[in-house]
Amino acid sequence: MIDLDAIEVPLICPNCEFYNPVTIKQARLGDVLICRGCKANLQCVDALGQLANARSAIQKRFAELAELFHKPIRLTLKL
C-alpha cells in the first residue's frame, strides 16, 4: 500500500511567500512548522477535514483495486 502521509506538498508562507515542504500527515494533524524563510510559526489547519476525507477515499480505492488483482482470470487459449 502507498503511504499517502509521506507525500510532500508545498506550503507557501503568508508572510514571506517562501515555499516550505509539508507532508500530508503534518497538514492533516495540524502540526506547527517553522518557515525556512522568515522563521515564522505556520500552523497547518485542515478546517473542513478535506485531507482526511481524501486520504480515506484514496485508500479505499486502492483496496478495491488490490482486491480486483486477487480474483482469478479466465483465459482461453487457441492453438
N, C-alpha and C. Protein backbone atom coordinates (compact mmCIF):
# COMPACT_ATOMS: atom_id res chain seq x y z
N MET A 1 0.85 -1.18 0.00
CA MET A 1 0.00 0.00 0.00
C MET A 1 0.89 1.25 0.00
N ILE A 2 0.45 2.24 -0.66
CA ILE A 2 1.20 3.50 -0.75
C ILE A 2 0.98 4.32 0.52
N ASP A 3 2.05 4.86 1.06
CA ASP A 3 1.96 5.70 2.26
C ASP A 3 1.65 7.13 1.83
N LEU A 4 0.38 7.48 1.85
CA LEU A 4 -0.04 8.81 1.40
C LEU A 4 0.42 9.91 2.35
N ASP A 5 0.61 9.56 3.62
CA ASP A 5 1.03 10.56 4.61
C ASP A 5 2.44 11.07 4.35
N ALA A 6 3.25 10.32 3.63
CA ALA A 6 4.64 10.71 3.39
C ALA A 6 4.81 11.64 2.19
N ILE A 7 3.76 11.85 1.44
CA ILE A 7 3.84 12.71 0.25
C ILE A 7 3.99 14.17 0.68
N GLU A 8 4.95 14.86 0.08
CA GLU A 8 5.19 16.27 0.41
C GLU A 8 4.47 17.19 -0.57
N VAL A 9 3.90 18.24 -0.04
CA VAL A 9 3.26 19.28 -0.84
C VAL A 9 3.84 20.63 -0.42
N PRO A 10 3.86 21.61 -1.32
CA PRO A 10 4.41 22.91 -0.94
C PRO A 10 3.41 23.73 -0.12
N LEU A 11 3.91 24.39 0.89
CA LEU A 11 3.13 25.30 1.71
C LEU A 11 3.77 26.68 1.57
N ILE A 12 2.99 27.65 1.13
CA ILE A 12 3.52 29.00 0.91
C ILE A 12 3.29 29.83 2.17
N CYS A 13 4.37 30.41 2.67
CA CYS A 13 4.28 31.26 3.86
C CYS A 13 3.50 32.53 3.52
N PRO A 14 2.50 32.89 4.31
CA PRO A 14 1.74 34.11 4.03
C PRO A 14 2.53 35.39 4.29
N ASN A 15 3.62 35.30 5.06
CA ASN A 15 4.43 36.49 5.37
C ASN A 15 5.47 36.78 4.29
N CYS A 16 6.25 35.76 3.93
CA CYS A 16 7.37 36.00 3.02
C CYS A 16 7.22 35.27 1.67
N GLU A 17 6.15 34.49 1.52
CA GLU A 17 5.85 33.75 0.29
C GLU A 17 6.93 32.72 -0.05
N PHE A 18 7.63 32.23 0.96
CA PHE A 18 8.64 31.19 0.78
C PHE A 18 7.95 29.84 0.72
N TYR A 19 8.39 28.97 -0.18
CA TYR A 19 7.83 27.63 -0.29
C TYR A 19 8.45 26.73 0.77
N ASN A 20 7.60 26.12 1.57
CA ASN A 20 8.04 25.20 2.62
C ASN A 20 7.41 23.84 2.36
N PRO A 21 8.21 22.77 2.33
CA PRO A 21 7.62 21.45 2.13
C PRO A 21 6.92 20.97 3.40
N VAL A 22 5.76 20.39 3.22
CA VAL A 22 5.00 19.84 4.34
C VAL A 22 4.43 18.50 3.89
N THR A 23 4.48 17.50 4.76
CA THR A 23 3.89 16.21 4.39
C THR A 23 2.38 16.28 4.63
N ILE A 24 1.68 15.40 3.95
CA ILE A 24 0.22 15.36 4.12
C ILE A 24 -0.13 15.03 5.57
N LYS A 25 0.68 14.19 6.20
CA LYS A 25 0.42 13.85 7.60
C LYS A 25 0.54 15.08 8.50
N GLN A 26 1.57 15.90 8.28
CA GLN A 26 1.74 17.11 9.08
C GLN A 26 0.55 18.05 8.89
N ALA A 27 0.11 18.20 7.66
CA ALA A 27 -1.03 19.08 7.38
C ALA A 27 -2.31 18.52 7.98
N ARG A 28 -2.50 17.22 7.86
CA ARG A 28 -3.71 16.56 8.37
C ARG A 28 -3.81 16.65 9.88
N LEU A 29 -2.65 16.54 10.56
CA LEU A 29 -2.65 16.54 12.03
C LEU A 29 -2.54 17.94 12.64
N GLY A 30 -2.36 18.96 11.79
CA GLY A 30 -2.30 20.33 12.30
C GLY A 30 -0.98 20.69 12.95
N ASP A 31 0.11 20.12 12.46
CA ASP A 31 1.43 20.43 13.01
C ASP A 31 1.81 21.89 12.80
N VAL A 32 2.66 22.38 13.69
CA VAL A 32 3.21 23.74 13.56
C VAL A 32 4.58 23.61 12.91
N LEU A 33 4.79 24.35 11.83
CA LEU A 33 6.05 24.34 11.10
C LEU A 33 6.73 25.69 11.25
N ILE A 34 8.02 25.71 11.09
CA ILE A 34 8.78 26.96 11.11
C ILE A 34 9.15 27.29 9.67
N CYS A 35 8.77 28.48 9.21
CA CYS A 35 9.08 28.90 7.85
C CYS A 35 10.59 28.96 7.68
N ARG A 36 11.08 28.39 6.59
CA ARG A 36 12.51 28.41 6.32
C ARG A 36 12.98 29.77 5.83
N GLY A 37 12.04 30.64 5.47
CA GLY A 37 12.40 31.97 5.00
C GLY A 37 12.45 33.00 6.13
N CYS A 38 11.29 33.24 6.77
CA CYS A 38 11.21 34.29 7.79
C CYS A 38 11.16 33.76 9.22
N LYS A 39 11.21 32.44 9.39
CA LYS A 39 11.21 31.78 10.70
C LYS A 39 9.91 31.96 11.49
N ALA A 40 8.82 32.30 10.79
CA ALA A 40 7.52 32.43 11.46
C ALA A 40 6.95 31.04 11.72
N ASN A 41 6.09 30.93 12.73
CA ASN A 41 5.40 29.68 13.02
C ASN A 41 4.19 29.57 12.10
N LEU A 42 4.09 28.46 11.39
CA LEU A 42 2.98 28.21 10.49
C LEU A 42 2.22 26.99 10.99
N GLN A 43 0.95 27.18 11.33
CA GLN A 43 0.15 26.04 11.78
C GLN A 43 -0.73 25.59 10.64
N CYS A 44 -0.62 24.32 10.32
CA CYS A 44 -1.46 23.74 9.27
C CYS A 44 -2.84 23.46 9.85
N VAL A 45 -3.87 23.96 9.19
CA VAL A 45 -5.23 23.76 9.67
C VAL A 45 -6.07 23.21 8.52
N ASP A 46 -6.56 22.00 8.68
CA ASP A 46 -7.48 21.39 7.73
C ASP A 46 -8.87 21.51 8.32
N ALA A 47 -9.43 22.71 8.25
CA ALA A 47 -10.67 23.03 8.95
C ALA A 47 -11.85 22.16 8.51
N LEU A 48 -11.92 21.82 7.24
CA LEU A 48 -13.05 21.04 6.73
C LEU A 48 -12.78 19.54 6.70
N GLY A 49 -11.59 19.14 7.11
CA GLY A 49 -11.25 17.73 7.10
C GLY A 49 -11.07 17.16 5.71
N GLN A 50 -10.75 18.00 4.75
CA GLN A 50 -10.63 17.56 3.36
C GLN A 50 -9.47 16.59 3.16
N LEU A 51 -8.35 16.80 3.85
CA LEU A 51 -7.22 15.90 3.70
C LEU A 51 -7.54 14.51 4.25
N ALA A 52 -8.18 14.47 5.39
CA ALA A 52 -8.53 13.18 5.98
C ALA A 52 -9.55 12.45 5.10
N ASN A 53 -10.53 13.18 4.58
CA ASN A 53 -11.54 12.58 3.71
C ASN A 53 -10.92 12.08 2.41
N ALA A 54 -10.06 12.87 1.81
CA ALA A 54 -9.42 12.48 0.56
C ALA A 54 -8.51 11.26 0.79
N ARG A 55 -7.78 11.25 1.89
CA ARG A 55 -6.89 10.12 2.21
C ARG A 55 -7.69 8.84 2.36
N SER A 56 -8.82 8.92 3.06
CA SER A 56 -9.67 7.74 3.25
C SER A 56 -10.23 7.24 1.92
N ALA A 57 -10.68 8.16 1.07
CA ALA A 57 -11.24 7.79 -0.22
C ALA A 57 -10.20 7.13 -1.11
N ILE A 58 -8.99 7.67 -1.13
CA ILE A 58 -7.92 7.11 -1.96
C ILE A 58 -7.52 5.73 -1.44
N GLN A 59 -7.40 5.56 -0.14
CA GLN A 59 -7.05 4.26 0.42
C GLN A 59 -8.13 3.22 0.11
N LYS A 60 -9.39 3.64 0.14
CA LYS A 60 -10.49 2.73 -0.18
C LYS A 60 -10.39 2.28 -1.63
N ARG A 61 -10.10 3.19 -2.54
CA ARG A 61 -9.98 2.85 -3.96
C ARG A 61 -8.78 1.92 -4.20
N PHE A 62 -7.67 2.14 -3.51
CA PHE A 62 -6.52 1.26 -3.64
C PHE A 62 -6.85 -0.15 -3.13
N ALA A 63 -7.62 -0.24 -2.05
CA ALA A 63 -8.02 -1.54 -1.53
C ALA A 63 -8.92 -2.27 -2.54
N GLU A 64 -9.82 -1.53 -3.18
CA GLU A 64 -10.68 -2.13 -4.20
C GLU A 64 -9.85 -2.61 -5.39
N LEU A 65 -8.87 -1.84 -5.79
CA LEU A 65 -8.00 -2.22 -6.89
C LEU A 65 -7.19 -3.47 -6.55
N ALA A 66 -6.66 -3.53 -5.35
CA ALA A 66 -5.90 -4.70 -4.92
C ALA A 66 -6.79 -5.94 -4.90
N GLU A 67 -8.04 -5.78 -4.51
CA GLU A 67 -8.98 -6.90 -4.48
C GLU A 67 -9.24 -7.43 -5.90
N LEU A 68 -9.31 -6.54 -6.87
CA LEU A 68 -9.51 -6.96 -8.26
C LEU A 68 -8.35 -7.82 -8.76
N PHE A 69 -7.15 -7.50 -8.35
CA PHE A 69 -5.99 -8.26 -8.79
C PHE A 69 -5.91 -9.64 -8.15
N HIS A 70 -6.63 -9.86 -7.06
CA HIS A 70 -6.61 -11.16 -6.39
C HIS A 70 -7.61 -12.14 -6.99
N LYS A 71 -8.52 -11.66 -7.83
CA LYS A 71 -9.51 -12.54 -8.45
C LYS A 71 -8.86 -13.31 -9.59
N PRO A 72 -9.26 -14.58 -9.76
CA PRO A 72 -8.66 -15.36 -10.86
C PRO A 72 -9.13 -14.83 -12.22
N ILE A 73 -8.25 -14.96 -13.19
CA ILE A 73 -8.53 -14.52 -14.55
C ILE A 73 -8.70 -15.75 -15.42
N ARG A 74 -9.78 -15.79 -16.17
CA ARG A 74 -10.02 -16.93 -17.06
C ARG A 74 -9.58 -16.55 -18.46
N LEU A 75 -8.69 -17.36 -18.99
CA LEU A 75 -8.20 -17.13 -20.34
C LEU A 75 -8.48 -18.36 -21.19
N THR A 76 -8.80 -18.11 -22.43
CA THR A 76 -8.98 -19.19 -23.39
C THR A 76 -7.83 -19.14 -24.38
N LEU A 77 -7.15 -20.24 -24.51
CA LEU A 77 -6.01 -20.31 -25.43
C LEU A 77 -6.41 -21.07 -26.68
N LYS A 78 -6.12 -20.52 -27.82
CA LYS A 78 -6.40 -21.18 -29.09
C LYS A 78 -5.08 -21.48 -29.78
N LEU A 79 -4.95 -22.69 -30.25
CA LEU A 79 -3.74 -23.11 -30.95
C LEU A 79 -4.00 -23.21 -32.44
